[in-house]
C-alpha atoms as a PDB file:
ATOM      1  CA  UNK A   1     -51.487   3.032 -50.763  1.00  0.00           C
ATOM      2  CA  UNK A   2     -51.839   3.981 -47.109  1.00  0.00           C
ATOM      3  CA  UNK A   3     -54.443   5.923 -45.272  1.00  0.00           C
ATOM      4  CA  UNK A   4     -53.444   8.612 -42.853  1.00  0.00           C
ATOM      5  CA  UNK A   5     -54.381   7.917 -39.263  1.00  0.00           C
ATOM      6  CA  UNK A   6     -56.272  11.167 -38.883  1.00  0.00           C
ATOM      7  CA  UNK A   7     -59.299  12.480 -40.726  1.00  0.00           C
ATOM      8  CA  UNK A   8     -59.944  15.813 -42.351  1.00  0.00           C
ATOM      9  CA  UNK A   9     -59.139  19.001 -40.405  1.00  0.00           C
ATOM     10  CA  UNK A  10     -61.901  20.284 -38.119  1.00  0.00           C
ATOM     11  CA  UNK A  11     -64.458  22.419 -39.908  1.00  0.00           C
ATOM     12  CA  UNK A  12     -66.783  25.095 -38.627  1.00  0.00           C
ATOM     13  CA  UNK A  13     -70.246  23.927 -37.719  1.00  0.00           C
ATOM     14  CA  UNK A  14     -72.726  24.204 -40.588  1.00  0.00           C
ATOM     15  CA  UNK A  15     -75.757  26.436 -40.317  1.00  0.00           C
ATOM     16  CA  UNK A  16     -79.185  24.797 -40.546  1.00  0.00           C
ATOM     17  CA  UNK A  17     -79.525  25.920 -44.170  1.00  0.00           C
ATOM     18  CA  UNK A  18     -76.057  24.619 -45.052  1.00  0.00           C
ATOM     19  CA  UNK A  19     -76.789  21.277 -43.378  1.00  0.00           C
ATOM     20  CA  UNK A  20     -79.998  20.876 -45.379  1.00  0.00           C
ATOM     21  CA  UNK A  21     -78.132  21.654 -48.597  1.00  0.00           C
ATOM     22  CA  UNK A  22     -75.399  19.221 -47.570  1.00  0.00           C
ATOM     23  CA  UNK A  23     -78.065  16.543 -47.070  1.00  0.00           C
ATOM     24  CA  UNK A  24     -79.637  17.193 -50.475  1.00  0.00           C
ATOM     25  CA  UNK A  25     -76.215  16.918 -52.128  1.00  0.00           C
ATOM     26  CA  UNK A  26     -75.627  13.582 -50.417  1.00  0.00           C
ATOM     27  CA  UNK A  27     -78.996  12.301 -51.609  1.00  0.00           C
ATOM     28  CA  UNK A  28     -78.361  13.381 -55.208  1.00  0.00           C
ATOM     29  CA  UNK A  29     -74.957  11.748 -55.349  1.00  0.00           C
ATOM     30  CA  UNK A  30     -76.028   8.509 -53.697  1.00  0.00           C
ATOM     31  CA  UNK A  31     -79.060   8.210 -55.980  1.00  0.00           C
ATOM     32  CA  UNK A  32     -76.709   8.463 -58.939  1.00  0.00           C
ATOM     33  CA  UNK A  33     -74.263   5.991 -57.412  1.00  0.00           C
ATOM     34  CA  UNK A  34     -76.945   3.463 -56.373  1.00  0.00           C
ATOM     35  CA  UNK A  35     -79.864   3.835 -58.802  1.00  0.00           C
ATOM     36  CA  UNK A  36     -81.158   0.384 -57.866  1.00  0.00           C
ATOM     37  CA  UNK A  37     -81.007   0.857 -54.077  1.00  0.00           C
ATOM     38  CA  UNK A  38     -83.822  -1.109 -52.470  1.00  0.00           C
ATOM     39  CA  UNK A  39     -84.817  -3.218 -49.499  1.00  0.00           C
ATOM     40  CA  UNK A  40     -82.540  -6.253 -49.634  1.00  0.00           C
ATOM     41  CA  UNK A  41     -84.928  -8.496 -47.729  1.00  0.00           C
ATOM     42  CA  UNK A  42     -86.854 -10.725 -50.131  1.00  0.00           C
ATOM     43  CA  UNK A  43     -90.632 -10.456 -49.745  1.00  0.00           C
ATOM     44  CA  UNK A  44     -93.850 -10.959 -51.679  1.00  0.00           C
ATOM     45  CA  UNK A  45     -96.362  -9.468 -49.240  1.00  0.00           C
ATOM     46  CA  UNK A  46     -96.525  -7.183 -46.195  1.00  0.00           C
ATOM     47  CA  UNK A  47     -96.724 -10.240 -43.928  1.00  0.00           C
ATOM     48  CA  UNK A  48     -93.596 -11.772 -45.399  1.00  0.00           C
ATOM     49  CA  UNK A  49     -91.700  -8.501 -45.109  1.00  0.00           C
ATOM     50  CA  UNK A  50     -92.829  -8.124 -41.506  1.00  0.00           C
ATOM     51  CA  UNK A  51     -91.604 -11.625 -40.677  1.00  0.00           C
ATOM     52  CA  UNK A  52     -88.308 -11.093 -42.500  1.00  0.00           C
ATOM     53  CA  UNK A  53     -87.684  -7.796 -40.745  1.00  0.00           C
ATOM     54  CA  UNK A  54     -88.255  -9.344 -37.323  1.00  0.00           C
ATOM     55  CA  UNK A  55     -85.795 -12.084 -38.243  1.00  0.00           C
ATOM     56  CA  UNK A  56     -83.223  -9.540 -39.432  1.00  0.00           C
ATOM     57  CA  UNK A  57     -82.514  -8.262 -35.916  1.00  0.00           C
ATOM     58  CA  UNK A  58     -78.846  -8.984 -35.192  1.00  0.00           C
ATOM     59  CA  UNK A  59     -78.686 -10.935 -38.447  1.00  0.00           C
ATOM     60  CA  UNK A  60     -77.738 -10.235 -42.055  1.00  0.00           C
ATOM     61  CA  UNK A  61     -80.350  -9.851 -44.778  1.00  0.00           C
ATOM     62  CA  UNK A  62     -78.512 -12.547 -46.733  1.00  0.00           C
ATOM     63  CA  UNK A  63     -79.007 -15.088 -43.951  1.00  0.00           C
ATOM     64  CA  UNK A  64     -82.672 -14.121 -43.515  1.00  0.00           C
ATOM     65  CA  UNK A  65     -83.247 -14.594 -47.253  1.00  0.00           C
ATOM     66  CA  UNK A  66     -81.802 -18.100 -46.950  1.00  0.00           C
ATOM     67  CA  UNK A  67     -84.198 -18.988 -44.124  1.00  0.00           C
ATOM     68  CA  UNK A  68     -87.523 -17.464 -45.163  1.00  0.00           C
ATOM     69  CA  UNK A  69     -88.307 -19.688 -48.186  1.00  0.00           C
ATOM     70  CA  UNK A  70     -88.469 -22.774 -45.960  1.00  0.00           C
ATOM     71  CA  UNK A  71     -90.325 -20.887 -43.226  1.00  0.00           C
ATOM     72  CA  UNK A  72     -93.025 -19.608 -45.582  1.00  0.00           C
ATOM     73  CA  UNK A  73     -93.313 -22.943 -47.347  1.00  0.00           C
ATOM     74  CA  UNK A  74     -94.290 -24.450 -44.007  1.00  0.00           C
ATOM     75  CA  UNK A  75     -96.243 -21.497 -42.549  1.00  0.00           C
ATOM     76  CA  UNK A  76     -97.382 -19.143 -45.332  1.00  0.00           C
ATOM     77  CA  UNK A  77    -100.104 -17.259 -43.437  1.00  0.00           C
ATOM     78  CA  UNK A  78    -100.434 -15.546 -40.054  1.00  0.00           C
ATOM     79  CA  UNK A  79    -102.870 -18.252 -38.916  1.00  0.00           C
ATOM     80  CA  UNK A  80    -100.513 -21.094 -39.788  1.00  0.00           C
ATOM     81  CA  UNK A  81     -97.561 -19.246 -38.241  1.00  0.00           C
ATOM     82  CA  UNK A  82     -99.483 -18.611 -35.032  1.00  0.00           C
ATOM     83  CA  UNK A  83    -100.593 -22.245 -34.757  1.00  0.00           C
ATOM     84  CA  UNK A  84     -97.219 -23.810 -35.613  1.00  0.00           C
ATOM     85  CA  UNK A  85     -95.395 -25.887 -32.997  1.00  0.00           C
ATOM     86  CA  UNK A  86     -92.835 -23.431 -31.578  1.00  0.00           C
ATOM     87  CA  UNK A  87     -90.027 -25.956 -31.771  1.00  0.00           C
ATOM     88  CA  UNK A  88     -90.617 -26.359 -35.516  1.00  0.00           C
ATOM     89  CA  UNK A  89     -90.344 -22.613 -36.099  1.00  0.00           C
ATOM     90  CA  UNK A  90     -87.256 -22.448 -33.883  1.00  0.00           C
ATOM     91  CA  UNK A  91     -85.556 -25.162 -35.879  1.00  0.00           C
ATOM     92  CA  UNK A  92     -86.140 -23.356 -39.174  1.00  0.00           C
ATOM     93  CA  UNK A  93     -84.985 -19.919 -37.997  1.00  0.00           C
ATOM     94  CA  UNK A  94     -82.211 -21.072 -35.655  1.00  0.00           C
ATOM     95  CA  UNK A  95     -79.387 -19.751 -37.841  1.00  0.00           C
ATOM     96  CA  UNK A  96     -80.713 -16.164 -37.589  1.00  0.00           C
ATOM     97  CA  UNK A  97     -79.831 -16.021 -33.892  1.00  0.00           C
ATOM     98  CA  UNK A  98     -81.992 -15.357 -30.826  1.00  0.00           C
ATOM     99  CA  UNK A  99     -84.335 -17.927 -32.343  1.00  0.00           C
ATOM    100  CA  UNK A 100     -86.423 -18.567 -29.242  1.00  0.00           C
ATOM    101  CA  UNK A 101     -87.223 -14.886 -28.723  1.00  0.00           C
ATOM    102  CA  UNK A 102     -87.836 -14.426 -32.436  1.00  0.00           C
ATOM    103  CA  UNK A 103     -90.198 -17.391 -32.501  1.00  0.00           C
ATOM    104  CA  UNK A 104     -92.231 -15.870 -29.669  1.00  0.00           C
ATOM    105  CA  UNK A 105     -92.338 -12.558 -31.548  1.00  0.00           C
ATOM    106  CA  UNK A 106     -93.367 -14.191 -34.835  1.00  0.00           C
ATOM    107  CA  UNK A 107     -96.113 -16.253 -33.253  1.00  0.00           C
ATOM    108  CA  UNK A 108     -97.373 -13.460 -31.002  1.00  0.00           C
ATOM    109  CA  UNK A 109     -97.423 -11.031 -33.917  1.00  0.00           C
ATOM    110  CA  UNK A 110     -99.179 -13.560 -36.149  1.00  0.00           C
ATOM    111  CA  UNK A 111    -101.800 -14.352 -33.521  1.00  0.00           C
ATOM    112  CA  UNK A 112    -102.547 -10.633 -33.124  1.00  0.00           C
ATOM    113  CA  UNK A 113    -102.939 -10.257 -36.888  1.00  0.00           C
ATOM    114  CA  UNK A 114    -105.497 -13.052 -36.900  1.00  0.00           C
ATOM    115  CA  UNK A 115    -107.380 -11.936 -33.794  1.00  0.00           C
ATOM    116  CA  UNK A 116    -107.311  -8.164 -34.268  1.00  0.00           C
ATOM    117  CA  UNK A 117    -106.742  -7.456 -37.963  1.00  0.00           C
ATOM    118  CA  UNK A 118    -108.475 -10.232 -39.877  1.00  0.00           C
ATOM    119  CA  UNK A 119    -105.158 -11.821 -40.790  1.00  0.00           C
ATOM    120  CA  UNK A 120    -103.943  -8.664 -42.543  1.00  0.00           C
ATOM    121  CA  UNK A 121    -100.913  -6.536 -41.725  1.00  0.00           C
ATOM    122  CA  UNK A 122    -102.103  -3.056 -40.674  1.00  0.00           C
ATOM    123  CA  UNK A 123    -100.704  -0.019 -42.446  1.00  0.00           C
ATOM    124  CA  UNK A 124    -100.373   2.454 -39.588  1.00  0.00           C
ATOM    125  CA  UNK A 125     -97.461   3.097 -37.245  1.00  0.00           C
ATOM    126  CA  UNK A 126     -99.543   2.778 -34.063  1.00  0.00           C
ATOM    127  CA  UNK A 127    -101.124  -0.518 -35.076  1.00  0.00           C
ATOM    128  CA  UNK A 128     -97.847  -2.013 -36.248  1.00  0.00           C
ATOM    129  CA  UNK A 129     -95.887  -1.049 -33.143  1.00  0.00           C
ATOM    130  CA  UNK A 130     -98.586  -2.575 -30.959  1.00  0.00           C
ATOM    131  CA  UNK A 131     -97.672  -5.994 -32.376  1.00  0.00           C
ATOM    132  CA  UNK A 132     -95.241  -8.217 -30.509  1.00  0.00           C
ATOM    133  CA  UNK A 133     -91.663  -7.828 -31.697  1.00  0.00           C
ATOM    134  CA  UNK A 134     -92.410  -4.754 -33.802  1.00  0.00           C
ATOM    135  CA  UNK A 135     -90.674  -1.494 -32.968  1.00  0.00           C
ATOM    136  CA  UNK A 136     -90.520   1.732 -34.918  1.00  0.00           C
ATOM    137  CA  UNK A 137     -87.650   0.556 -37.117  1.00  0.00           C
ATOM    138  CA  UNK A 138     -89.510  -2.581 -38.203  1.00  0.00           C
ATOM    139  CA  UNK A 139     -92.716  -0.615 -38.723  1.00  0.00           C
ATOM    140  CA  UNK A 140     -90.868   1.893 -40.915  1.00  0.00           C
ATOM    141  CA  UNK A 141     -89.485  -0.926 -43.058  1.00  0.00           C
ATOM    142  CA  UNK A 142     -92.958  -2.371 -43.627  1.00  0.00           C
ATOM    143  CA  UNK A 143     -94.743   0.942 -44.139  1.00  0.00           C
ATOM    144  CA  UNK A 144     -92.171   2.303 -46.556  1.00  0.00           C
ATOM    145  CA  UNK A 145     -91.520  -0.807 -48.607  1.00  0.00           C
ATOM    146  CA  UNK A 146     -94.760  -2.799 -48.494  1.00  0.00           C
ATOM    147  CA  UNK A 147     -97.247   0.072 -48.372  1.00  0.00           C
ATOM    148  CA  UNK A 148     -95.323   2.972 -49.896  1.00  0.00           C
ATOM    149  CA  UNK A 149     -96.039   5.140 -46.843  1.00  0.00           C
ATOM    150  CA  UNK A 150     -93.324   7.478 -45.558  1.00  0.00           C
ATOM    151  CA  UNK A 151     -93.914   7.688 -41.823  1.00  0.00           C
ATOM    152  CA  UNK A 152     -90.261   7.787 -40.786  1.00  0.00           C
ATOM    153  CA  UNK A 153     -86.715   6.806 -41.665  1.00  0.00           C
ATOM    154  CA  UNK A 154     -85.322   3.352 -40.944  1.00  0.00           C
ATOM    155  CA  UNK A 155     -82.292   3.692 -38.671  1.00  0.00           C
ATOM    156  CA  UNK A 156     -80.167   0.565 -38.539  1.00  0.00           C
ATOM    157  CA  UNK A 157     -76.472   0.286 -37.707  1.00  0.00           C
ATOM    158  CA  UNK A 158     -75.420   1.398 -41.206  1.00  0.00           C
ATOM    159  CA  UNK A 159     -77.689   4.447 -41.250  1.00  0.00           C
ATOM    160  CA  UNK A 160     -76.554   5.450 -37.771  1.00  0.00           C
ATOM    161  CA  UNK A 161     -72.857   5.040 -38.578  1.00  0.00           C
ATOM    162  CA  UNK A 162     -72.907   6.717 -41.989  1.00  0.00           C
ATOM    163  CA  UNK A 163     -75.142   9.528 -40.751  1.00  0.00           C
ATOM    164  CA  UNK A 164     -72.612  10.438 -38.073  1.00  0.00           C
ATOM    165  CA  UNK A 165     -69.655  10.186 -40.451  1.00  0.00           C
ATOM    166  CA  UNK A 166     -71.356  12.460 -42.973  1.00  0.00           C
ATOM    167  CA  UNK A 167     -72.005  15.052 -40.302  1.00  0.00           C
ATOM    168  CA  UNK A 168     -75.786  14.739 -40.435  1.00  0.00           C
ATOM    169  CA  UNK A 169     -76.112  14.001 -36.726  1.00  0.00           C
ATOM    170  CA  UNK A 170     -74.052  13.567 -33.581  1.00  0.00           C
ATOM    171  CA  UNK A 171     -76.689  11.360 -31.976  1.00  0.00           C
ATOM    172  CA  UNK A 172     -76.256   7.640 -31.380  1.00  0.00           C
ATOM    173  CA  UNK A 173     -79.724   6.794 -30.059  1.00  0.00           C
ATOM    174  CA  UNK A 174     -81.776   5.520 -33.055  1.00  0.00           C
ATOM    175  CA  UNK A 175     -84.861   7.537 -32.070  1.00  0.00           C
ATOM    176  CA  UNK A 176     -82.878  10.776 -31.902  1.00  0.00           C
ATOM    177  CA  UNK A 177     -81.018   9.921 -35.122  1.00  0.00           C
ATOM    178  CA  UNK A 178     -84.333   9.398 -36.890  1.00  0.00           C
ATOM    179  CA  UNK A 179     -85.725  12.689 -35.593  1.00  0.00           C
ATOM    180  CA  UNK A 180     -82.668  14.572 -36.853  1.00  0.00           C
ATOM    181  CA  UNK A 181     -82.706  12.888 -40.267  1.00  0.00           C
ATOM    182  CA  UNK A 182     -86.440  13.447 -40.718  1.00  0.00           C
ATOM    183  CA  UNK A 183     -85.834  17.169 -40.241  1.00  0.00           C
ATOM    184  CA  UNK A 184     -83.117  17.186 -42.929  1.00  0.00           C
ATOM    185  CA  UNK A 185     -84.396  14.769 -45.573  1.00  0.00           C
ATOM    186  CA  UNK A 186     -87.426  15.668 -47.729  1.00  0.00           C
ATOM    187  CA  UNK A 187     -90.334  13.403 -46.830  1.00  0.00           C
ATOM    188  CA  UNK A 188     -90.545  12.072 -50.394  1.00  0.00           C
ATOM    189  CA  UNK A 189     -87.046  10.606 -49.865  1.00  0.00           C
ATOM    190  CA  UNK A 190     -87.487   9.128 -46.383  1.00  0.00           C
ATOM    191  CA  UNK A 191     -87.770   5.531 -47.595  1.00  0.00           C
ATOM    192  CA  UNK A 192     -85.087   5.626 -50.285  1.00  0.00           C
ATOM    193  CA  UNK A 193     -82.715   7.571 -48.029  1.00  0.00           C
ATOM    194  CA  UNK A 194     -82.270   4.648 -45.656  1.00  0.00           C
ATOM    195  CA  UNK A 195     -81.652   2.295 -48.592  1.00  0.00           C
ATOM    196  CA  UNK A 196     -79.029   4.669 -49.994  1.00  0.00           C
ATOM    197  CA  UNK A 197     -77.149   4.889 -46.698  1.00  0.00           C
ATOM    198  CA  UNK A 198     -77.414   1.128 -46.155  1.00  0.00           C
ATOM    199  CA  UNK A 199     -76.079   0.393 -49.663  1.00  0.00           C
ATOM    200  CA  UNK A 200     -73.250   2.873 -49.108  1.00  0.00           C
ATOM    201  CA  UNK A 201     -72.518   1.560 -45.623  1.00  0.00           C
ATOM    202  CA  UNK A 202     -72.281  -2.031 -46.836  1.00  0.00           C
ATOM    203  CA  UNK A 203     -70.202  -1.312 -49.925  1.00  0.00           C
ATOM    204  CA  UNK A 204     -68.000   1.698 -49.201  1.00  0.00           C
ATOM    205  CA  UNK A 205     -68.460   3.346 -45.792  1.00  0.00           C
ATOM    206  CA  UNK A 206     -67.855   0.085 -43.956  1.00  0.00           C
ATOM    207  CA  UNK A 207     -67.490  -0.058 -40.210  1.00  0.00           C
ATOM    208  CA  UNK A 208     -63.851  -0.957 -39.645  1.00  0.00           C
ATOM    209  CA  UNK A 209     -62.064   0.890 -42.451  1.00  0.00           C
ATOM    210  CA  UNK A 210     -64.149   3.009 -44.805  1.00  0.00           C
ATOM    211  CA  UNK A 211     -63.041   3.015 -48.439  1.00  0.00           C
ATOM    212  CA  UNK A 212     -62.737   6.785 -48.632  1.00  0.00           C
ATOM    213  CA  UNK A 213     -60.687   6.704 -51.845  1.00  0.00           C
ATOM    214  CA  UNK A 214     -63.632   5.086 -53.636  1.00  0.00           C
ATOM    215  CA  UNK A 215     -66.333   7.248 -52.079  1.00  0.00           C
ATOM    216  CA  UNK A 216     -68.447   9.612 -54.175  1.00  0.00           C
ATOM    217  CA  UNK A 217     -68.887  11.776 -51.070  1.00  0.00           C
ATOM    218  CA  UNK A 218     -65.195  12.034 -50.254  1.00  0.00           C
ATOM    219  CA  UNK A 219     -64.944  15.755 -50.986  1.00  0.00           C
ATOM    220  CA  UNK A 220     -67.919  16.689 -48.790  1.00  0.00           C
ATOM    221  CA  UNK A 221     -67.473  14.194 -45.936  1.00  0.00           C
ATOM    222  CA  UNK A 222     -66.147  15.696 -42.680  1.00  0.00           C
ATOM    223  CA  UNK A 223     -64.901  12.260 -41.583  1.00  0.00           C
ATOM    224  CA  UNK A 224     -62.957  11.349 -44.709  1.00  0.00           C
ATOM    225  CA  UNK A 225     -59.540   9.817 -44.408  1.00  0.00           C
ATOM    226  CA  UNK A 226     -56.824  11.225 -46.636  1.00  0.00           C
ATOM    227  CA  UNK A 227     -55.241   8.766 -49.070  1.00  0.00           C
ATOM    228  CA  UNK A 228     -51.476   9.104 -49.393  1.00  0.00           C
ATOM    229  CA  UNK A 229     -49.004   7.305 -51.645  1.00  0.00           C
ATOM    230  CA  UNK A 230     -46.240   5.044 -50.427  1.00  0.00           C
END
C-alpha cells in the first residue's frame, strides 16, 4: 500500500455551529476508540503528579515513570525534596534531560509548598502557576487528574498537532490553541479530551506519517491522506 503525497481536497470553512458539531463527533468516536484513555504518568498523590509533570518536559512519560520510583523512594515529601542535596536529585533525574534546570524547579517548587502551603499542593490555577517550574500546562495536568477540576485543556505537542490536523484550530501557540479548544469542547470533557488526543497522537496520528488508513476519524479529517493500492 502507498499513501498519496497530497491530502484531501480543500473544503469550505466550517461555520461555528458546524465546527462545534465536528468537535463533538471527534470526542464521541475517540471515547469509543480509547475507553481507557488516561494520564500516562504514574502518580499516587498530587505532589507526585506535579513532580512527574515537571520532569516530563521534553521527555517521554515512559522515561519519567522509570525515574520517579527511585526519586520518591529517596525524597517522598516536599520537605525532603526541598532539602535534598541538588547533586543527588540531578543524578536520579539525569536521564529525563535538562536535569539541572529541572532540579532547581523541583526544589524551588517543593520549598514553596512547605513555606506557603503547609506542604500541600494547592488546587487553584493561580497558586499552582506561582510555583517554580509550573506553567499553565502543568497546572492543568494536576488540576484535572489529581483534583478532578476542569480549569483548562492540556496542550502538549500531540494535542497541538492533532488539533490542527483535525481542523479544530490553525493556531500553533499553546495558549491560543487552548483558548480555541476550550470554546469548542464541553467543559465536562476538558480533561479527557487531552487524553484522547494524546492517545490518538501516540498511536495513530503520529508526527512523521499518520496512519490514516487505521484512523477512526479518517472520513471527517480534513488532513487525511488517501490510501491507494499498488
